[in-house]
Amino acid sequence: MTQWVLMLDVFQPTFQWIKDDYRSHSFRFAVELLAWAISIGCAITMAVTVPNPPLLALYPVWISGCAMYAWAAYTRKSFGMLVNYLLLVAIDMFGLFRMLTQ
């Protein structure tokens, strides 16, 4: 029992940060949570379907998740994350375009 109490004490600042983040901008919190679920879902789908993943289905979903993350980064005023996710959107849109036109 004491170990659990200590664990909760260690993670209390993190739990508080999550609560504060949700309270300050609940819509952004939900968008980031959805984008995270999309990212994990795409990664699992890729891993399970190798060597022939369903890229035509995954690309638009992945691009949408990256665009959600880009919006969240913009609202957080996080330049590095914004540029990262905008670049991922651009690269993956290029890949999707190439796949559709070949």
C-alpha atoms as a PDB file:
ATOM      1  CA  MET A   1       0.000   0.000   0.000  1.00  0.00           C
ATOM      2  CA  THR A   2       2.794   2.423   0.871  1.00  0.00           C
ATOM      3  CA  GLN A   3       4.425   1.877  -2.538  1.00  0.00           C
ATOM      4  CA  TRP A   4       1.223   2.962  -4.301  1.00  0.00           C
ATOM      5  CA  VAL A   5       1.019   6.107  -2.201  1.00  0.00           C
ATOM      6  CA  LEU A   6       4.628   6.928  -3.072  1.00  0.00           C
ATOM      7  CA  MET A   7       3.943   6.300  -6.765  1.00  0.00           C
ATOM      8  CA  LEU A   8       0.963   8.654  -6.662  1.00  0.00           C
ATOM      9  CA  ASP A   9       3.098  11.272  -4.921  1.00  0.00           C
ATOM     10  CA  VAL A  10       5.739  10.997  -7.644  1.00  0.00           C
ATOM     11  CA  PHE A  11       3.188  11.376 -10.443  1.00  0.00           C
ATOM     12  CA  GLN A  12       0.998  13.977  -8.712  1.00  0.00           C
ATOM     13  CA  PRO A  13       2.630  16.939 -10.521  1.00  0.00           C
ATOM     14  CA  THR A  14       2.074  15.196 -13.855  1.00  0.00           C
ATOM     15  CA  PHE A  15      -1.583  14.466 -13.049  1.00  0.00           C
ATOM     16  CA  GLN A  16      -2.045  18.091 -12.007  1.00  0.00           C
ATOM     17  CA  TRP A  17      -0.437  19.305 -15.237  1.00  0.00           C
ATOM     18  CA  ILE A  18      -2.841  17.115 -17.255  1.00  0.00           C
ATOM     19  CA  LYS A  19      -5.829  18.476 -15.305  1.00  0.00           C
ATOM     20  CA  ASP A  20      -4.627  22.053 -15.762  1.00  0.00           C
ATOM     21  CA  ASP A  21      -4.095  21.486 -19.477  1.00  0.00           C
ATOM     22  CA  TYR A  22      -7.615  20.068 -19.834  1.00  0.00           C
ATOM     23  CA  ARG A  23      -9.152  22.936 -17.857  1.00  0.00           C
ATOM     24  CA  SER A  24      -7.292  25.625 -19.782  1.00  0.00           C
ATOM     25  CA  HIS A  25      -8.221  24.390 -23.261  1.00  0.00           C
ATOM     26  CA  SER A  26     -10.464  21.315 -23.215  1.00  0.00           C
ATOM     27  CA  PHE A  27     -11.090  21.335 -26.983  1.00  0.00           C
ATOM     28  CA  ARG A  28      -7.373  21.320 -27.761  1.00  0.00           C
ATOM     29  CA  PHE A  29      -6.895  18.561 -25.178  1.00  0.00           C
ATOM     30  CA  ALA A  30      -9.526  16.442 -26.961  1.00  0.00           C
ATOM     31  CA  VAL A  31      -7.967  17.127 -30.381  1.00  0.00           C
ATOM     32  CA  GLU A  32      -4.530  16.098 -29.106  1.00  0.00           C
ATOM     33  CA  LEU A  33      -5.962  12.961 -27.539  1.00  0.00           C
ATOM     34  CA  LEU A  34      -7.670  12.043 -30.830  1.00  0.00           C
ATOM     35  CA  ALA A  35      -4.475  12.756 -32.797  1.00  0.00           C
ATOM     36  CA  TRP A  36      -2.551  10.551 -30.369  1.00  0.00           C
ATOM     37  CA  ALA A  37      -5.068   7.716 -30.835  1.00  0.00           C
ATOM     38  CA  ILE A  38      -4.776   8.104 -34.618  1.00  0.00           C
ATOM     39  CA  SER A  39      -0.987   7.966 -34.404  1.00  0.00           C
ATOM     40  CA  ILE A  40      -1.017   4.814 -32.275  1.00  0.00           C
ATOM     41  CA  GLY A  41      -3.709   3.226 -34.445  1.00  0.00           C
ATOM     42  CA  CYS A  42      -1.742   3.881 -37.628  1.00  0.00           C
ATOM     43  CA  ALA A  43       1.469   2.538 -36.088  1.00  0.00           C
ATOM     44  CA  ILE A  44      -0.257  -0.650 -34.926  1.00  0.00           C
ATOM     45  CA  THR A  45      -1.926  -1.104 -38.323  1.00  0.00           C
ATOM     46  CA  MET A  46       1.427  -0.674 -40.080  1.00  0.00           C
ATOM     47  CA  ALA A  47       3.119  -3.168 -37.758  1.00  0.00           C
ATOM     48  CA  VAL A  48       0.389  -5.776 -38.111  1.00  0.00           C
ATOM     49  CA  THR A  49       0.044  -5.513 -41.902  1.00  0.00           C
ATOM     50  CA  VAL A  50       3.749  -5.445 -42.892  1.00  0.00           C
ATOM     51  CA  PRO A  51       4.932  -6.053 -45.628  1.00  0.00           C
ATOM     52  CA  ASN A  52       1.800  -4.766 -47.391  1.00  0.00           C
ATOM     53  CA  PRO A  53       0.195  -2.077 -45.222  1.00  0.00           C
ATOM     54  CA  PRO A  54      -3.012  -0.448 -46.504  1.00  0.00           C
ATOM     55  CA  LEU A  55      -1.319   2.858 -47.317  1.00  0.00           C
ATOM     56  CA  LEU A  56      -4.266   4.191 -49.276  1.00  0.00           C
ATOM     57  CA  ALA A  57      -6.371   3.975 -46.122  1.00  0.00           C
ATOM     58  CA  LEU A  58      -3.616   4.944 -43.671  1.00  0.00           C
ATOM     59  CA  TYR A  59      -2.176   7.993 -45.425  1.00  0.00           C
ATOM     60  CA  PRO A  60      -5.283  10.214 -45.152  1.00  0.00           C
ATOM     61  CA  VAL A  61      -5.827   9.194 -41.524  1.00  0.00           C
ATOM     62  CA  TRP A  62      -2.173   9.822 -40.640  1.00  0.00           C
ATOM     63  CA  ILE A  63      -2.198  13.184 -42.461  1.00  0.00           C
ATOM     64  CA  SER A  64      -5.326  14.197 -40.545  1.00  0.00           C
ATOM     65  CA  GLY A  65      -3.688  13.298 -37.235  1.00  0.00           C
ATOM     66  CA  CYS A  66      -0.577  15.301 -38.109  1.00  0.00           C
ATOM     67  CA  ALA A  67      -2.731  18.287 -39.112  1.00  0.00           C
ATOM     68  CA  MET A  68      -4.518  18.063 -35.742  1.00  0.00           C
ATOM     69  CA  TYR A  69      -1.168  18.034 -33.958  1.00  0.00           C
ATOM     70  CA  ALA A  70      -0.044  21.032 -36.058  1.00  0.00           C
ATOM     71  CA  TRP A  71      -3.125  22.998 -35.028  1.00  0.00           C
ATOM     72  CA  ALA A  72      -2.560  22.097 -31.378  1.00  0.00           C
ATOM     73  CA  ALA A  73       1.089  23.152 -31.640  1.00  0.00           C
ATOM     74  CA  TYR A  74       0.004  26.472 -33.153  1.00  0.00           C
ATOM     75  CA  THR A  75      -2.429  27.121 -30.314  1.00  0.00           C
ATOM     76  CA  ARG A  76       0.343  26.290 -27.828  1.00  0.00           C
ATOM     77  CA  LYS A  77       2.696  28.673 -29.666  1.00  0.00           C
ATOM     78  CA  SER A  78       5.170  25.809 -30.097  1.00  0.00           C
ATOM     79  CA  PHE A  79       7.186  26.665 -33.196  1.00  0.00           C
ATOM     80  CA  GLY A  80       9.255  23.473 -33.298  1.00  0.00           C
ATOM     81  CA  MET A  81       6.254  21.162 -33.038  1.00  0.00           C
ATOM     82  CA  LEU A  82       4.279  23.244 -35.540  1.00  0.00           C
ATOM     83  CA  VAL A  83       7.039  23.092 -38.154  1.00  0.00           C
ATOM     84  CA  ASN A  84       7.558  19.378 -37.518  1.00  0.00           C
ATOM     85  CA  TYR A  85       3.911  18.472 -38.053  1.00  0.00           C
ATOM     86  CA  LEU A  86       3.447  20.829 -41.017  1.00  0.00           C
ATOM     87  CA  LEU A  87       6.466  19.194 -42.659  1.00  0.00           C
ATOM     88  CA  LEU A  88       5.039  15.728 -41.972  1.00  0.00           C
ATOM     89  CA  VAL A  89       1.712  16.795 -43.508  1.00  0.00           C
ATOM     90  CA  ALA A  90       3.504  18.107 -46.605  1.00  0.00           C
ATOM     91  CA  ILE A  91       5.724  15.028 -47.012  1.00  0.00           C
ATOM     92  CA  ASP A  92       2.845  12.611 -46.539  1.00  0.00           C
ATOM     93  CA  MET A  93       0.526  14.561 -48.853  1.00  0.00           C
ATOM     94  CA  PHE A  94       3.258  14.346 -51.489  1.00  0.00           C
ATOM     95  CA  GLY A  95       3.519  10.594 -50.901  1.00  0.00           C
ATOM     96  CA  LEU A  96      -0.251  10.171 -51.114  1.00  0.00           C
ATOM     97  CA  PHE A  97      -0.364  12.234 -54.313  1.00  0.00           C
ATOM     98  CA  ARG A  98       2.387  10.085 -55.864  1.00  0.00           C
ATOM     99  CA  MET A  99       0.592   6.916 -54.855  1.00  0.00           C
ATOM    100  CA  LEU A 100      -2.689   8.112 -56.375  1.00  0.00           C
ATOM    101  CA  THR A 101      -1.140   9.265 -59.651  1.00  0.00           C
ATOM    102  CA  GLN A 102       0.965   6.199 -60.439  1.00  0.00           C
END
